[in-house]
Amino acid sequence: MSGSKHSGFAALIFLIVAMGVAAQSSTNAAKVMPLLAKPLAGIDGKEGVMLTVEYPPGAASAAHRHNANTFVYVLEGSVVMQVTGGELVTLTEGQTFYESPSDIHSVSRNASDTQRALILVVFVKDVGAPATVPVG
């Protein structure tokens, strides 16, 4: 693998570990599936990272932030999202959510205690920067 592929892969591994640690319980942890990490042509030092996050029924993540412009698309189920200072929203299939690199993602959870939720996440970030950083 080239150096940029290694940094993207390392960032994905960090994200997987951070999301697993951030979930409320080990038996009900969010499951992260890396899909793609690619340097952005014509934008030196930036990369796009794509992954899915599956929230089992009742699962939630602890407060965190992303070193990225973060785009979320709900593929299945319903999720509750909020950034500090922002409105608490419940998103259903086909709806989207955005986080800036400086936002603190204070609420991220499955809205259902009986059905899973699945989201697609796309990060645009500095090559090699961790995509997720735990907060407090």
Protein backbone atom coordinates (compact mmCIF):
# COMPACT_ATOMS: atom_id res chain seq x y z
CA MET A 1 0.00 0.00 0.00
CA SER A 2 1.15 3.53 -0.64
CA GLY A 3 1.62 6.02 2.23
CA SER A 4 -1.72 7.73 1.64
CA LYS A 5 -3.53 4.40 1.63
CA HIS A 6 -1.84 3.53 4.92
CA SER A 7 -2.99 6.82 6.50
CA GLY A 8 -6.55 6.31 5.31
CA PHE A 9 -6.51 2.75 6.60
CA ALA A 10 -5.07 3.88 9.96
CA ALA A 11 -7.78 6.54 10.25
CA LEU A 12 -10.45 3.91 9.57
CA ILE A 13 -9.01 1.58 12.20
CA PHE A 14 -8.98 4.47 14.70
CA LEU A 15 -12.60 5.25 13.85
CA ILE A 16 -13.65 1.62 14.30
CA VAL A 17 -11.97 1.47 17.70
CA ALA A 18 -13.38 4.85 18.78
CA MET A 19 -16.93 3.98 17.72
CA GLY A 20 -16.71 0.61 19.49
CA VAL A 21 -15.44 2.22 22.68
CA ALA A 22 -18.05 4.97 22.45
CA ALA A 23 -21.03 2.62 22.22
CA GLN A 24 -23.04 2.32 25.43
CA SER A 25 -22.43 -1.40 25.92
CA SER A 26 -20.15 -3.98 24.40
CA THR A 27 -23.06 -6.28 23.59
CA ASN A 28 -24.97 -3.47 21.91
CA ALA A 29 -22.08 -1.68 20.17
CA ALA A 30 -22.31 0.24 16.94
CA LYS A 31 -20.72 -1.72 14.09
CA VAL A 32 -18.55 0.22 11.64
CA MET A 33 -17.92 -1.17 8.15
CA PRO A 34 -15.20 0.68 6.16
CA LEU A 35 -16.07 0.96 2.48
CA LEU A 36 -13.56 3.32 0.84
CA ALA A 37 -10.69 5.70 1.61
CA LYS A 38 -9.30 7.70 -1.28
CA PRO A 39 -7.14 10.83 -1.72
CA LEU A 40 -9.16 13.56 -3.45
CA ALA A 41 -7.82 14.38 -6.91
CA GLY A 42 -6.99 18.06 -7.29
CA ILE A 43 -7.27 18.77 -3.55
CA ASP A 44 -3.83 18.21 -2.07
CA GLY A 45 -3.78 16.77 1.41
CA LYS A 46 -7.49 15.86 1.52
CA GLU A 47 -9.16 12.46 1.39
CA GLY A 48 -12.67 11.08 1.24
CA VAL A 49 -13.63 8.23 3.55
CA MET A 50 -16.88 6.28 3.25
CA LEU A 51 -18.28 3.79 5.75
CA THR A 52 -21.50 2.47 7.21
CA VAL A 53 -22.45 2.43 10.87
CA GLU A 54 -25.02 -0.05 12.13
CA TYR A 55 -26.69 0.79 15.42
CA PRO A 56 -28.36 -2.25 17.00
CA PRO A 57 -31.65 -1.56 18.82
CA GLY A 58 -31.06 0.90 21.65
CA ALA A 59 -27.38 1.54 20.77
CA ALA A 60 -25.79 4.97 21.15
CA SER A 61 -22.36 6.56 20.87
CA ALA A 62 -20.73 8.79 23.47
CA ALA A 63 -20.00 12.44 22.64
CA HIS A 64 -17.28 12.84 20.03
CA ARG A 65 -16.18 15.08 17.19
CA HIS A 66 -14.89 14.44 13.72
CA ASN A 67 -11.82 16.05 12.21
CA ALA A 68 -13.81 16.22 8.99
CA ASN A 69 -16.72 17.60 7.10
CA THR A 70 -19.13 14.79 7.83
CA PHE A 71 -22.14 13.82 5.74
CA VAL A 72 -24.63 11.26 7.07
CA TYR A 73 -27.39 9.51 5.09
CA VAL A 74 -29.88 7.22 6.82
CA LEU A 75 -30.15 3.95 4.89
CA GLU A 76 -32.43 2.07 7.27
CA GLY A 77 -34.33 2.74 10.47
CA SER A 78 -34.22 5.97 12.44
CA VAL A 79 -31.47 7.81 14.32
CA VAL A 80 -31.41 10.70 16.77
CA MET A 81 -28.62 13.22 16.12
CA GLN A 82 -27.47 16.48 17.66
CA VAL A 83 -24.37 18.65 17.66
CA THR A 84 -23.72 20.88 20.66
CA GLY A 85 -25.77 24.04 20.27
CA GLY A 86 -27.84 22.50 17.47
CA GLU A 87 -31.33 21.12 17.32
CA LEU A 88 -32.03 17.53 18.39
CA VAL A 89 -33.36 15.78 15.29
CA THR A 90 -34.78 12.36 14.55
CA LEU A 91 -33.88 11.23 11.04
CA THR A 92 -35.56 8.47 9.06
CA GLU A 93 -34.62 6.61 5.89
CA GLY A 94 -33.47 8.97 3.14
CA GLN A 95 -32.76 11.93 5.43
CA THR A 96 -29.36 13.56 5.92
CA PHE A 97 -27.25 15.21 8.62
CA TYR A 98 -24.09 17.35 8.44
CA GLU A 99 -21.32 18.02 10.96
CA SER A 100 -18.49 20.52 10.53
CA PRO A 101 -14.94 19.66 11.69
CA SER A 102 -15.43 21.79 14.84
CA ASP A 103 -18.86 20.41 15.85
CA ILE A 104 -19.18 18.20 18.92
CA HIS A 105 -21.51 15.32 18.08
CA SER A 106 -23.29 15.21 21.43
CA VAL A 107 -26.13 12.80 20.51
CA SER A 108 -25.88 9.86 18.12
CA ARG A 109 -28.22 6.96 18.79
CA ASN A 110 -30.72 4.56 17.36
CA ALA A 111 -34.24 5.94 17.84
CA SER A 112 -35.63 2.41 18.24
CA ASP A 113 -35.27 -0.16 20.99
CA THR A 114 -36.52 -2.92 18.66
CA GLN A 115 -35.06 -2.31 15.16
CA ARG A 116 -31.56 -1.63 13.89
CA ALA A 117 -30.54 1.62 12.21
CA LEU A 118 -28.00 1.85 9.40
CA ILE A 119 -26.29 5.03 8.23
CA LEU A 120 -23.84 5.85 5.45
CA VAL A 121 -21.11 8.28 6.52
CA VAL A 122 -18.83 10.24 4.20
CA PHE A 123 -15.88 12.20 5.63
CA VAL A 124 -13.85 14.82 3.78
CA LYS A 125 -10.75 15.32 5.90
CA ASP A 126 -7.01 15.89 6.01
CA VAL A 127 -5.05 12.82 4.93
CA GLY A 128 -3.94 10.95 8.03
CA ALA A 129 -6.08 12.92 10.49
CA PRO A 130 -8.20 10.77 12.78
CA ALA A 131 -11.82 10.86 11.65
CA THR A 132 -13.25 10.56 15.17
CA VAL A 133 -12.01 11.97 18.47
CA PRO A 134 -13.74 11.15 21.79
CA VAL A 135 -14.87 14.19 23.82
CA GLY A 136 -14.65 14.51 27.59
